Amino acid sequence: MAKKIWIGTNNPLIQNLRPILPKNSLAWIPIANIFLLLMIAKRPLWWFILMLIPLVNIVVAIIVWLDILKLRGKPWWWIILLIIPIVNLVALAILAWGK
């Protein structure tokens, strides 16, 4: 079950990366996919260190996802959909494969 959830959350990440990065195999490595999110959001890679600090990582993750939503042309309130469990899987799929 965990494997299916892992694949379900990484496939949209890979779809978001296709136009940006030629090699997207890092999306399957648990810690390395944070670097890919930072690259998509066009944030400095040293923000990875901030993602390791408890409570700060929540704020940084929200900022990164807001940047990704802006790049994909989605409204800011989509961040709420990305926070809600189960709904976030659907929102990630729409973000990756939707118009």
C-alpha atoms as a PDB file:
ATOM      1  CA  MET A   1       0.000   0.000   0.000  1.00  0.00           C
ATOM      2  CA  ALA A   2       2.789   2.408   0.887  1.00  0.00           C
ATOM      3  CA  LYS A   3       4.453   1.677  -2.447  1.00  0.00           C
ATOM      4  CA  LYS A   4       1.279   2.637  -4.323  1.00  0.00           C
ATOM      5  CA  ILE A   5       1.007   5.897  -2.384  1.00  0.00           C
ATOM      6  CA  TRP A   6       4.684   6.643  -3.083  1.00  0.00           C
ATOM      7  CA  ILE A   7       4.171   6.063  -6.806  1.00  0.00           C
ATOM      8  CA  GLY A   8       0.937   8.068  -6.739  1.00  0.00           C
ATOM      9  CA  THR A   9       2.668  11.108  -5.264  1.00  0.00           C
ATOM     10  CA  ASN A  10       5.815  10.914  -7.375  1.00  0.00           C
ATOM     11  CA  ASN A  11       4.210  10.500 -10.794  1.00  0.00           C
ATOM     12  CA  PRO A  12       2.730  14.029 -10.683  1.00  0.00           C
ATOM     13  CA  LEU A  13       6.105  15.362  -9.539  1.00  0.00           C
ATOM     14  CA  ILE A  14       7.779  13.744 -12.539  1.00  0.00           C
ATOM     15  CA  GLN A  15       5.118  15.133 -14.886  1.00  0.00           C
ATOM     16  CA  ASN A  16       5.772  18.631 -13.534  1.00  0.00           C
ATOM     17  CA  LEU A  17       9.504  18.131 -14.127  1.00  0.00           C
ATOM     18  CA  ARG A  18       9.413  16.980 -17.739  1.00  0.00           C
ATOM     19  CA  PRO A  19       9.512  20.450 -19.309  1.00  0.00           C
ATOM     20  CA  ILE A  20      12.074  21.702 -16.794  1.00  0.00           C
ATOM     21  CA  LEU A  21      14.635  18.957 -16.210  1.00  0.00           C
ATOM     22  CA  PRO A  22      15.923  16.374 -18.677  1.00  0.00           C
ATOM     23  CA  LYS A  23      16.733  13.837 -15.937  1.00  0.00           C
ATOM     24  CA  ASN A  24      13.991  13.344 -13.414  1.00  0.00           C
ATOM     25  CA  SER A  25      15.104  10.132 -11.731  1.00  0.00           C
ATOM     26  CA  LEU A  26      15.758  12.035  -8.498  1.00  0.00           C
ATOM     27  CA  ALA A  27      11.994  12.229  -7.981  1.00  0.00           C
ATOM     28  CA  TRP A  28      12.056   8.604  -6.828  1.00  0.00           C
ATOM     29  CA  ILE A  29      14.685   9.199  -4.134  1.00  0.00           C
ATOM     30  CA  PRO A  30      12.949  10.309  -0.911  1.00  0.00           C
ATOM     31  CA  ILE A  31      15.246  13.175   0.141  1.00  0.00           C
ATOM     32  CA  ALA A  32      16.389  14.173  -3.345  1.00  0.00           C
ATOM     33  CA  ASN A  33      12.854  14.996  -4.478  1.00  0.00           C
ATOM     34  CA  ILE A  34      12.959  18.018  -2.168  1.00  0.00           C
ATOM     35  CA  PHE A  35      15.773  19.386  -4.342  1.00  0.00           C
ATOM     36  CA  LEU A  36      13.565  18.882  -7.385  1.00  0.00           C
ATOM     37  CA  LEU A  37      10.701  20.764  -5.763  1.00  0.00           C
ATOM     38  CA  LEU A  38      13.091  23.633  -5.036  1.00  0.00           C
ATOM     39  CA  MET A  39      14.280  23.596  -8.654  1.00  0.00           C
ATOM     40  CA  ILE A  40      10.712  23.679  -9.960  1.00  0.00           C
ATOM     41  CA  ALA A  41       9.856  26.570  -7.627  1.00  0.00           C
ATOM     42  CA  LYS A  42      13.069  28.366  -8.686  1.00  0.00           C
ATOM     43  CA  ARG A  43      14.179  28.694  -5.078  1.00  0.00           C
ATOM     44  CA  PRO A  44      17.814  28.421  -3.928  1.00  0.00           C
ATOM     45  CA  LEU A  45      18.939  24.893  -3.110  1.00  0.00           C
ATOM     46  CA  TRP A  46      20.187  25.923   0.327  1.00  0.00           C
ATOM     47  CA  TRP A  47      16.488  26.059   1.324  1.00  0.00           C
ATOM     48  CA  PHE A  48      16.886  22.294   1.686  1.00  0.00           C
ATOM     49  CA  ILE A  49      18.549  23.002   5.026  1.00  0.00           C
ATOM     50  CA  LEU A  50      15.459  24.965   6.080  1.00  0.00           C
ATOM     51  CA  MET A  51      13.338  21.944   5.189  1.00  0.00           C
ATOM     52  CA  LEU A  52      15.215  19.972   7.863  1.00  0.00           C
ATOM     53  CA  ILE A  53      14.273  22.362  10.694  1.00  0.00           C
ATOM     54  CA  PRO A  54      11.018  21.437  12.467  1.00  0.00           C
ATOM     55  CA  LEU A  55       8.162  23.956  12.049  1.00  0.00           C
ATOM     56  CA  VAL A  56      10.279  26.040   9.676  1.00  0.00           C
ATOM     57  CA  ASN A  57       9.872  23.262   7.118  1.00  0.00           C
ATOM     58  CA  ILE A  58       6.087  23.741   7.128  1.00  0.00           C
ATOM     59  CA  VAL A  59       6.420  27.425   6.232  1.00  0.00           C
ATOM     60  CA  VAL A  60       9.088  26.727   3.599  1.00  0.00           C
ATOM     61  CA  ALA A  61       7.017  23.912   2.062  1.00  0.00           C
ATOM     62  CA  ILE A  62       3.994  26.203   1.784  1.00  0.00           C
ATOM     63  CA  ILE A  63       6.116  28.895   0.109  1.00  0.00           C
ATOM     64  CA  VAL A  64       7.612  26.369  -2.322  1.00  0.00           C
ATOM     65  CA  TRP A  65       4.205  24.915  -3.225  1.00  0.00           C
ATOM     66  CA  LEU A  66       2.763  28.417  -3.667  1.00  0.00           C
ATOM     67  CA  ASP A  67       5.563  29.151  -6.144  1.00  0.00           C
ATOM     68  CA  ILE A  68       4.850  25.911  -8.004  1.00  0.00           C
ATOM     69  CA  LEU A  69       1.134  26.730  -8.105  1.00  0.00           C
ATOM     70  CA  LYS A  70       1.928  30.192  -9.475  1.00  0.00           C
ATOM     71  CA  LEU A  71       4.148  28.699 -12.191  1.00  0.00           C
ATOM     72  CA  ARG A  72       1.397  26.245 -13.145  1.00  0.00           C
ATOM     73  CA  GLY A  73      -1.212  29.030 -13.293  1.00  0.00           C
ATOM     74  CA  LYS A  74      -3.305  27.867 -10.348  1.00  0.00           C
ATOM     75  CA  PRO A  75      -4.819  30.174  -7.682  1.00  0.00           C
ATOM     76  CA  TRP A  76      -3.240  30.496  -4.231  1.00  0.00           C
ATOM     77  CA  TRP A  77      -6.105  28.708  -2.467  1.00  0.00           C
ATOM     78  CA  TRP A  78      -5.008  25.428  -4.062  1.00  0.00           C
ATOM     79  CA  ILE A  79      -2.495  25.212  -1.217  1.00  0.00           C
ATOM     80  CA  ILE A  80      -5.435  24.201   0.984  1.00  0.00           C
ATOM     81  CA  LEU A  81      -6.138  21.282  -1.345  1.00  0.00           C
ATOM     82  CA  LEU A  82      -2.495  20.214  -1.132  1.00  0.00           C
ATOM     83  CA  ILE A  83      -2.680  20.100   2.664  1.00  0.00           C
ATOM     84  CA  ILE A  84      -5.843  17.971   3.008  1.00  0.00           C
ATOM     85  CA  PRO A  85      -5.075  14.219   3.009  1.00  0.00           C
ATOM     86  CA  ILE A  86      -6.475  12.182   0.078  1.00  0.00           C
ATOM     87  CA  VAL A  87      -7.582  15.416  -1.618  1.00  0.00           C
ATOM     88  CA  ASN A  88      -3.907  16.267  -2.085  1.00  0.00           C
ATOM     89  CA  LEU A  89      -3.414  13.197  -4.286  1.00  0.00           C
ATOM     90  CA  VAL A  90      -6.186  14.363  -6.595  1.00  0.00           C
ATOM     91  CA  ALA A  91      -4.877  17.953  -6.533  1.00  0.00           C
ATOM     92  CA  LEU A  92      -1.363  16.762  -7.431  1.00  0.00           C
ATOM     93  CA  ALA A  93      -2.744  14.760 -10.354  1.00  0.00           C
ATOM     94  CA  ILE A  94      -4.734  17.761 -11.613  1.00  0.00           C
ATOM     95  CA  LEU A  95      -1.677  19.963 -11.141  1.00  0.00           C
ATOM     96  CA  ALA A  96       0.437  17.592 -13.216  1.00  0.00           C
ATOM     97  CA  TRP A  97      -1.963  16.466 -15.923  1.00  0.00           C
ATOM     98  CA  GLY A  98      -4.705  19.107 -15.919  1.00  0.00           C
ATOM     99  CA  LYS A  99      -4.834  22.193 -18.081  1.00  0.00           C
END
